[in-house]
Amino acid sequence: MKFIQYLKQNSLKIVTLLAIAVVALIPDVALATSTMPYDSALTNLKNSLTGPVAQAIAVIGIVASGATLIFGGEISGFLKSVIYLILVCSLLIAGTKFIDVFGSSSSSTGAEVAHVYVIDSTHQYVIS
């Protein structure tokens, strides 16, 4: 009877400990990256959406939809929704280029803010 009361009072702790134990027991092999059947299709899609032609079409879409919204006069709600959709899709495609311009590419190693002091054979500090 005391065991059941203990389970009721500490059920959150028990569930948390069980979850930690399960995660700790997952072998590293299961967490390793593997080739999935849809990887090549997603890679082709990514390459198509980040290429120079897609970037040019995205810029044209941004300019055209912006000009239509500004100078379009009175347009229906449905047409305005379609223009917003084109604008958002163009911004999503062109956004990858903006991210690359601001230096957030995967090859970036981060900021380097340290000075390097090297002592040469005469025991002098040399700043490099």
N, C-alpha and C. Protein backbone atom coordinates (compact mmCIF):
# COMPACT_ATOMS: atom_id res chain seq x y z
N MET A 1 0.81 -1.19 0.00
CA MET A 1 0.00 0.00 0.00
C MET A 1 0.86 1.26 0.00
N LYS A 2 1.96 1.24 0.77
CA LYS A 2 2.84 2.39 0.82
C LYS A 2 3.53 2.61 -0.53
N PHE A 3 3.81 1.52 -1.22
CA PHE A 3 4.46 1.63 -2.52
C PHE A 3 3.57 2.35 -3.53
N ILE A 4 2.29 2.05 -3.53
CA ILE A 4 1.34 2.70 -4.44
C ILE A 4 1.21 4.18 -4.10
N GLN A 5 1.17 4.51 -2.84
CA GLN A 5 1.12 5.91 -2.44
C GLN A 5 2.40 6.64 -2.85
N TYR A 6 3.52 5.97 -2.72
CA TYR A 6 4.80 6.57 -3.15
C TYR A 6 4.79 6.83 -4.65
N LEU A 7 4.26 5.87 -5.43
CA LEU A 7 4.16 6.06 -6.87
C LEU A 7 3.26 7.24 -7.23
N LYS A 8 2.14 7.38 -6.55
CA LYS A 8 1.22 8.48 -6.82
C LYS A 8 1.84 9.83 -6.49
N GLN A 9 2.58 9.90 -5.39
CA GLN A 9 3.16 11.17 -4.96
C GLN A 9 4.37 11.57 -5.80
N ASN A 10 5.10 10.62 -6.29
CA ASN A 10 6.35 10.91 -7.00
C ASN A 10 6.30 10.46 -8.45
N SER A 11 5.14 10.50 -9.07
CA SER A 11 5.02 9.99 -10.43
C SER A 11 5.83 10.83 -11.42
N LEU A 12 5.88 12.15 -11.23
CA LEU A 12 6.64 13.00 -12.14
C LEU A 12 8.13 12.69 -12.06
N LYS A 13 8.63 12.48 -10.86
CA LYS A 13 10.05 12.13 -10.69
C LYS A 13 10.37 10.79 -11.34
N ILE A 14 9.47 9.84 -11.18
CA ILE A 14 9.71 8.50 -11.73
C ILE A 14 9.69 8.54 -13.25
N VAL A 15 8.73 9.25 -13.82
CA VAL A 15 8.66 9.35 -15.28
C VAL A 15 9.89 10.06 -15.82
N THR A 16 10.34 11.10 -15.14
CA THR A 16 11.54 11.82 -15.58
C THR A 16 12.76 10.92 -15.52
N LEU A 17 12.93 10.17 -14.46
CA LEU A 17 14.06 9.26 -14.35
C LEU A 17 14.01 8.16 -15.41
N LEU A 18 12.83 7.65 -15.68
CA LEU A 18 12.70 6.64 -16.73
C LEU A 18 13.05 7.21 -18.10
N ALA A 19 12.61 8.44 -18.37
CA ALA A 19 12.93 9.07 -19.65
C ALA A 19 14.43 9.29 -19.79
N ILE A 20 15.08 9.73 -18.73
CA ILE A 20 16.54 9.92 -18.77
C ILE A 20 17.25 8.59 -18.99
N ALA A 21 16.76 7.52 -18.34
CA ALA A 21 17.37 6.21 -18.50
C ALA A 21 17.22 5.71 -19.93
N VAL A 22 16.06 5.93 -20.53
CA VAL A 22 15.84 5.47 -21.90
C VAL A 22 16.74 6.23 -22.86
N VAL A 23 16.84 7.54 -22.68
CA VAL A 23 17.70 8.34 -23.56
C VAL A 23 19.17 7.94 -23.38
N ALA A 24 19.57 7.64 -22.15
CA ALA A 24 20.96 7.26 -21.91
C ALA A 24 21.29 5.89 -22.50
N LEU A 25 20.28 5.05 -22.66
CA LEU A 25 20.52 3.71 -23.17
C LEU A 25 20.46 3.61 -24.69
N ILE A 26 20.06 4.69 -25.35
CA ILE A 26 20.02 4.66 -26.81
C ILE A 26 21.45 4.56 -27.33
N PRO A 27 21.75 3.56 -28.12
CA PRO A 27 23.13 3.43 -28.60
C PRO A 27 23.49 4.53 -29.58
N ASP A 28 24.78 4.83 -29.63
CA ASP A 28 25.26 5.88 -30.53
C ASP A 28 25.02 5.54 -31.99
N VAL A 29 24.92 4.27 -32.30
CA VAL A 29 24.69 3.87 -33.69
C VAL A 29 23.33 4.36 -34.16
N ALA A 30 22.35 4.36 -33.29
CA ALA A 30 21.02 4.82 -33.68
C ALA A 30 21.00 6.33 -33.90
N LEU A 31 21.89 7.05 -33.24
CA LEU A 31 21.93 8.50 -33.39
C LEU A 31 22.82 8.95 -34.55
N ALA A 32 23.58 8.03 -35.13
CA ALA A 32 24.47 8.39 -36.23
C ALA A 32 23.64 8.75 -37.46
N THR A 33 24.21 9.65 -38.26
CA THR A 33 23.50 10.04 -39.47
C THR A 33 23.58 8.92 -40.50
N SER A 34 22.49 8.71 -41.15
CA SER A 34 22.46 7.70 -42.19
C SER A 34 21.76 8.29 -43.40
N THR A 35 21.94 7.67 -44.52
CA THR A 35 21.32 8.15 -45.74
C THR A 35 19.87 7.68 -45.78
N MET A 36 18.99 8.64 -45.86
CA MET A 36 17.57 8.33 -45.94
C MET A 36 17.17 8.31 -47.42
N PRO A 37 16.09 7.64 -47.76
CA PRO A 37 15.72 7.53 -49.18
C PRO A 37 15.32 8.86 -49.81
N TYR A 38 14.93 9.84 -49.01
CA TYR A 38 14.49 11.12 -49.56
C TYR A 38 15.59 12.18 -49.52
N ASP A 39 16.79 11.84 -49.07
CA ASP A 39 17.88 12.82 -48.97
C ASP A 39 18.26 13.40 -50.32
N SER A 40 18.35 12.57 -51.34
CA SER A 40 18.78 13.09 -52.64
C SER A 40 17.73 14.03 -53.23
N ALA A 41 16.46 13.74 -53.04
CA ALA A 41 15.41 14.62 -53.55
C ALA A 41 15.43 15.96 -52.84
N LEU A 42 15.64 15.94 -51.51
CA LEU A 42 15.70 17.20 -50.77
C LEU A 42 16.95 17.99 -51.12
N THR A 43 18.05 17.31 -51.37
CA THR A 43 19.27 18.00 -51.78
C THR A 43 19.08 18.65 -53.14
N ASN A 44 18.44 17.96 -54.08
CA ASN A 44 18.16 18.55 -55.39
C ASN A 44 17.24 19.76 -55.27
N LEU A 45 16.23 19.67 -54.40
CA LEU A 45 15.32 20.80 -54.19
C LEU A 45 16.06 21.99 -53.59
N LYS A 46 16.93 21.73 -52.63
CA LYS A 46 17.71 22.81 -52.01
C LYS A 46 18.62 23.47 -53.03
N ASN A 47 19.27 22.67 -53.84
CA ASN A 47 20.15 23.23 -54.87
C ASN A 47 19.37 24.04 -55.90
N SER A 48 18.16 23.60 -56.22
CA SER A 48 17.33 24.33 -57.18
C SER A 48 16.86 25.66 -56.62
N LEU A 49 16.55 25.69 -55.32
CA LEU A 49 16.03 26.91 -54.71
C LEU A 49 17.11 27.90 -54.31
N THR A 50 18.36 27.47 -54.28
CA THR A 50 19.44 28.38 -53.89
C THR A 50 20.34 28.73 -55.05
N GLY A 51 20.00 28.31 -56.24
CA GLY A 51 20.81 28.62 -57.42
C GLY A 51 20.61 30.05 -57.89
N PRO A 52 21.42 30.47 -58.85
CA PRO A 52 21.34 31.86 -59.32
C PRO A 52 20.03 32.18 -60.05
N VAL A 53 19.46 31.21 -60.75
CA VAL A 53 18.20 31.46 -61.46
C VAL A 53 17.07 31.67 -60.45
N ALA A 54 17.03 30.84 -59.43
CA ALA A 54 15.99 30.99 -58.41
C ALA A 54 16.15 32.31 -57.67
N GLN A 55 17.38 32.73 -57.41
CA GLN A 55 17.61 34.02 -56.74
C GLN A 55 17.13 35.17 -57.61
N ALA A 56 17.39 35.11 -58.90
CA ALA A 56 16.95 36.17 -59.81
C ALA A 56 15.42 36.22 -59.89
N ILE A 57 14.78 35.06 -59.97
CA ILE A 57 13.32 35.02 -60.01
C ILE A 57 12.74 35.55 -58.69
N ALA A 58 13.40 35.25 -57.57
CA ALA A 58 12.92 35.73 -56.27
C ALA A 58 13.00 37.26 -56.19
N VAL A 59 14.09 37.84 -56.67
CA VAL A 59 14.21 39.30 -56.66
C VAL A 59 13.16 39.93 -57.56
N ILE A 60 12.94 39.36 -58.73
CA ILE A 60 11.89 39.87 -59.63
C ILE A 60 10.52 39.75 -58.96
N GLY A 61 10.28 38.64 -58.25
CA GLY A 61 9.01 38.45 -57.55
C GLY A 61 8.81 39.46 -56.44
N ILE A 62 9.88 39.78 -55.71
CA ILE A 62 9.78 40.78 -54.64
C ILE A 62 9.44 42.14 -55.22
N VAL A 63 10.17 42.52 -56.27
CA VAL A 63 9.93 43.83 -56.89
C VAL A 63 8.53 43.91 -57.50
N ALA A 64 8.13 42.88 -58.23
CA ALA A 64 6.83 42.91 -58.90
C ALA A 64 5.68 42.91 -57.90
N SER A 65 5.75 42.06 -56.88
CA SER A 65 4.64 42.03 -55.92
C SER A 65 4.61 43.30 -55.07
N GLY A 66 5.77 43.84 -54.73
CA GLY A 66 5.79 45.11 -53.99
C GLY A 66 5.21 46.24 -54.82
N ALA A 67 5.59 46.31 -56.09
CA ALA A 67 5.05 47.36 -56.96
C ALA A 67 3.55 47.19 -57.16
N THR A 68 3.09 45.96 -57.27
CA THR A 68 1.66 45.72 -57.44
C THR A 68 0.88 46.15 -56.20
N LEU A 69 1.43 45.86 -55.03
CA LEU A 69 0.74 46.26 -53.80
C LEU A 69 0.75 47.77 -53.62
N ILE A 70 1.84 48.43 -54.04
CA ILE A 70 1.92 49.88 -53.87
C ILE A 70 1.09 50.60 -54.93
N PHE A 71 1.27 50.25 -56.19
CA PHE A 71 0.65 50.99 -57.28
C PHE A 71 -0.54 50.27 -57.91
N GLY A 72 -1.01 49.20 -57.30
CA GLY A 72 -2.05 48.39 -57.92
C GLY A 72 -3.44 48.98 -57.85
N GLY A 73 -3.64 50.01 -57.07
CA GLY A 73 -4.99 50.56 -56.96
C GLY A 73 -5.86 49.64 -56.11
N GLU A 74 -7.10 49.56 -56.47
CA GLU A 74 -8.02 48.71 -55.72
C GLU A 74 -8.04 47.33 -56.36
N ILE A 75 -7.56 46.36 -55.61
CA ILE A 75 -7.57 44.98 -56.07
C ILE A 75 -8.37 44.16 -55.07
N SER A 76 -8.88 43.04 -55.52
CA SER A 76 -9.73 42.22 -54.66
C SER A 76 -8.91 41.57 -53.55
N GLY A 77 -9.62 41.09 -52.55
CA GLY A 77 -8.96 40.44 -51.42
C GLY A 77 -8.23 39.17 -51.83
N PHE A 78 -8.82 38.41 -52.75
CA PHE A 78 -8.18 37.16 -53.20
C PHE A 78 -6.89 37.46 -53.95
N LEU A 79 -6.92 38.44 -54.84
CA LEU A 79 -5.72 38.79 -55.60
C LEU A 79 -4.64 39.34 -54.68
N LYS A 80 -5.05 40.10 -53.67
CA LYS A 80 -4.09 40.61 -52.70
C LYS A 80 -3.45 39.46 -51.92
N SER A 81 -4.23 38.44 -51.59
CA SER A 81 -3.69 37.26 -50.89
C SER A 81 -2.69 36.52 -51.77
N VAL A 82 -2.98 36.41 -53.06
CA VAL A 82 -2.06 35.75 -53.99
C VAL A 82 -0.76 36.54 -54.09
N ILE A 83 -0.86 37.86 -54.13
CA ILE A 83 0.35 38.70 -54.20
C ILE A 83 1.17 38.56 -52.93
N TYR A 84 0.50 38.52 -51.78
CA TYR A 84 1.23 38.29 -50.52
C TYR A 84 1.93 36.93 -50.53
N LEU A 85 1.26 35.92 -51.06
CA LEU A 85 1.86 34.59 -51.15
C LEU A 85 3.11 34.61 -52.02
N ILE A 86 3.04 35.28 -53.15
CA ILE A 86 4.21 35.40 -54.03
C ILE A 86 5.33 36.15 -53.32
N LEU A 87 4.98 37.21 -52.60
CA LEU A 87 5.98 37.99 -51.88
C LEU A 87 6.67 37.16 -50.81
N VAL A 88 5.91 36.40 -50.04
CA VAL A 88 6.49 35.57 -48.99
C VAL A 88 7.38 34.48 -49.57
N CYS A 89 6.93 33.81 -50.63
CA CYS A 89 7.76 32.77 -51.26
C CYS A 89 9.05 33.36 -51.81
N SER A 90 8.97 34.54 -52.40
CA SER A 90 10.16 35.18 -52.93
C SER A 90 11.12 35.56 -51.81
N LEU A 91 10.59 36.04 -50.70
CA LEU A 91 11.45 36.39 -49.57
C LEU A 91 12.10 35.15 -48.96
N LEU A 92 11.37 34.04 -48.93
CA LEU A 92 11.96 32.81 -48.39
C LEU A 92 13.11 32.31 -49.27
N ILE A 93 12.92 32.40 -50.57
CA ILE A 93 13.98 31.94 -51.48
C ILE A 93 15.17 32.89 -51.44
N ALA A 94 14.90 34.20 -51.44
CA ALA A 94 15.99 35.17 -51.42
C ALA A 94 16.62 35.27 -50.03
N GLY A 95 15.94 34.78 -49.01
CA GLY A 95 16.46 34.86 -47.65
C GLY A 95 17.75 34.09 -47.46
N THR A 96 17.94 33.01 -48.19
CA THR A 96 19.17 32.24 -48.06
C THR A 96 20.37 33.07 -48.52
N LYS A 97 20.19 33.89 -49.54
CA LYS A 97 21.27 34.75 -50.01
C LYS A 97 21.56 35.84 -48.98
N PHE A 98 20.50 36.38 -48.36
CA PHE A 98 20.70 37.40 -47.33
C PHE A 98 21.46 36.83 -46.15
N ILE A 99 21.16 35.60 -45.77
CA ILE A 99 21.86 34.97 -44.65
C ILE A 99 23.33 34.76 -45.00
N ASP A 100 23.61 34.34 -46.22
CA ASP A 100 25.00 34.17 -46.64
C ASP A 100 25.76 35.49 -46.67
N VAL A 101 25.08 36.57 -47.06
CA VAL A 101 25.73 37.87 -47.11
C VAL A 101 26.14 38.33 -45.72
N PHE A 102 25.30 38.08 -44.74
CA PHE A 102 25.60 38.52 -43.38
C PHE A 102 26.53 37.56 -42.65
N GLY A 103 27.05 36.55 -43.30
CA GLY A 103 28.11 35.71 -42.72
C GLY A 103 27.66 34.59 -41.84
N SER A 104 26.45 34.12 -41.96
CA SER A 104 25.99 33.01 -41.14
C SER A 104 26.04 31.71 -41.91
N SER A 105 27.04 31.54 -42.73
CA SER A 105 27.14 30.29 -43.49
C SER A 105 27.71 29.21 -42.59
N SER A 106 27.60 27.98 -43.02
CA SER A 106 28.04 26.86 -42.20
C SER A 106 29.56 26.78 -42.11
N SER A 107 30.27 27.46 -43.02
CA SER A 107 31.73 27.42 -42.97
C SER A 107 32.31 28.44 -42.01
N SER A 108 31.45 29.29 -41.44
CA SER A 108 31.91 30.30 -40.50
C SER A 108 32.33 29.65 -39.20
N THR A 109 33.46 30.09 -38.66
CA THR A 109 33.95 29.51 -37.41
C THR A 109 33.69 30.42 -36.22
N GLY A 110 33.12 31.58 -36.43
CA GLY A 110 32.82 32.48 -35.33
C GLY A 110 33.84 33.60 -35.25
N ALA A 111 33.67 34.45 -34.26
CA ALA A 111 34.53 35.61 -34.10
C ALA A 111 35.85 35.21 -33.45
N GLU A 112 36.90 35.86 -33.88
CA GLU A 112 38.21 35.67 -33.26
C GLU A 112 38.64 37.01 -32.70
N VAL A 113 38.71 37.11 -31.38
CA VAL A 113 38.94 38.38 -30.74
C VAL A 113 40.21 38.36 -29.89
N ALA A 114 41.02 37.36 -30.00
CA ALA A 114 42.19 37.24 -29.14
C ALA A 114 43.45 37.70 -29.86
N HIS A 115 44.38 38.25 -29.08
CA HIS A 115 45.71 38.55 -29.59
C HIS A 115 46.61 37.35 -29.32
N VAL A 116 47.51 37.10 -30.23
CA VAL A 116 48.44 35.98 -30.06
C VAL A 116 49.80 36.55 -29.75
N TYR A 117 50.37 36.14 -28.62
CA TYR A 117 51.70 36.58 -28.24
C TYR A 117 52.65 35.39 -28.36
N VAL A 118 53.71 35.58 -29.10
CA VAL A 118 54.68 34.53 -29.31
C VAL A 118 56.01 35.02 -28.75
N ILE A 119 56.68 34.17 -28.02
CA ILE A 119 58.00 34.53 -27.48
C ILE A 119 59.04 33.95 -28.40
N ASP A 120 59.88 34.82 -28.96
CA ASP A 120 60.92 34.33 -29.87
C ASP A 120 62.15 33.92 -29.06
N SER A 121 63.24 33.62 -29.74
CA SER A 121 64.44 33.07 -29.07
C SER A 121 65.09 34.09 -28.16
N THR A 122 64.84 35.38 -28.34
CA THR A 122 65.43 36.39 -27.45
C THR A 122 64.49 36.74 -26.31
N HIS A 123 63.47 35.96 -26.13
CA HIS A 123 62.48 36.13 -25.08
C HIS A 123 61.76 37.46 -25.18
N GLN A 124 61.46 37.86 -26.39
CA GLN A 124 60.71 39.09 -26.65
C GLN A 124 59.30 38.69 -27.09
N TYR A 125 58.32 39.50 -26.73
CA TYR A 125 56.95 39.26 -27.18
C TYR A 125 56.78 39.79 -28.60
N VAL A 126 56.21 38.97 -29.43
CA VAL A 126 55.92 39.35 -30.80
C VAL A 126 54.42 39.19 -31.02
N ILE A 127 53.78 40.26 -31.46
CA ILE A 127 52.33 40.19 -31.71
C ILE A 127 52.13 39.76 -33.15
N SER A 128 51.40 38.70 -33.33
CA SER A 128 51.15 38.23 -34.69
C SER A 128 49.68 38.22 -35.00
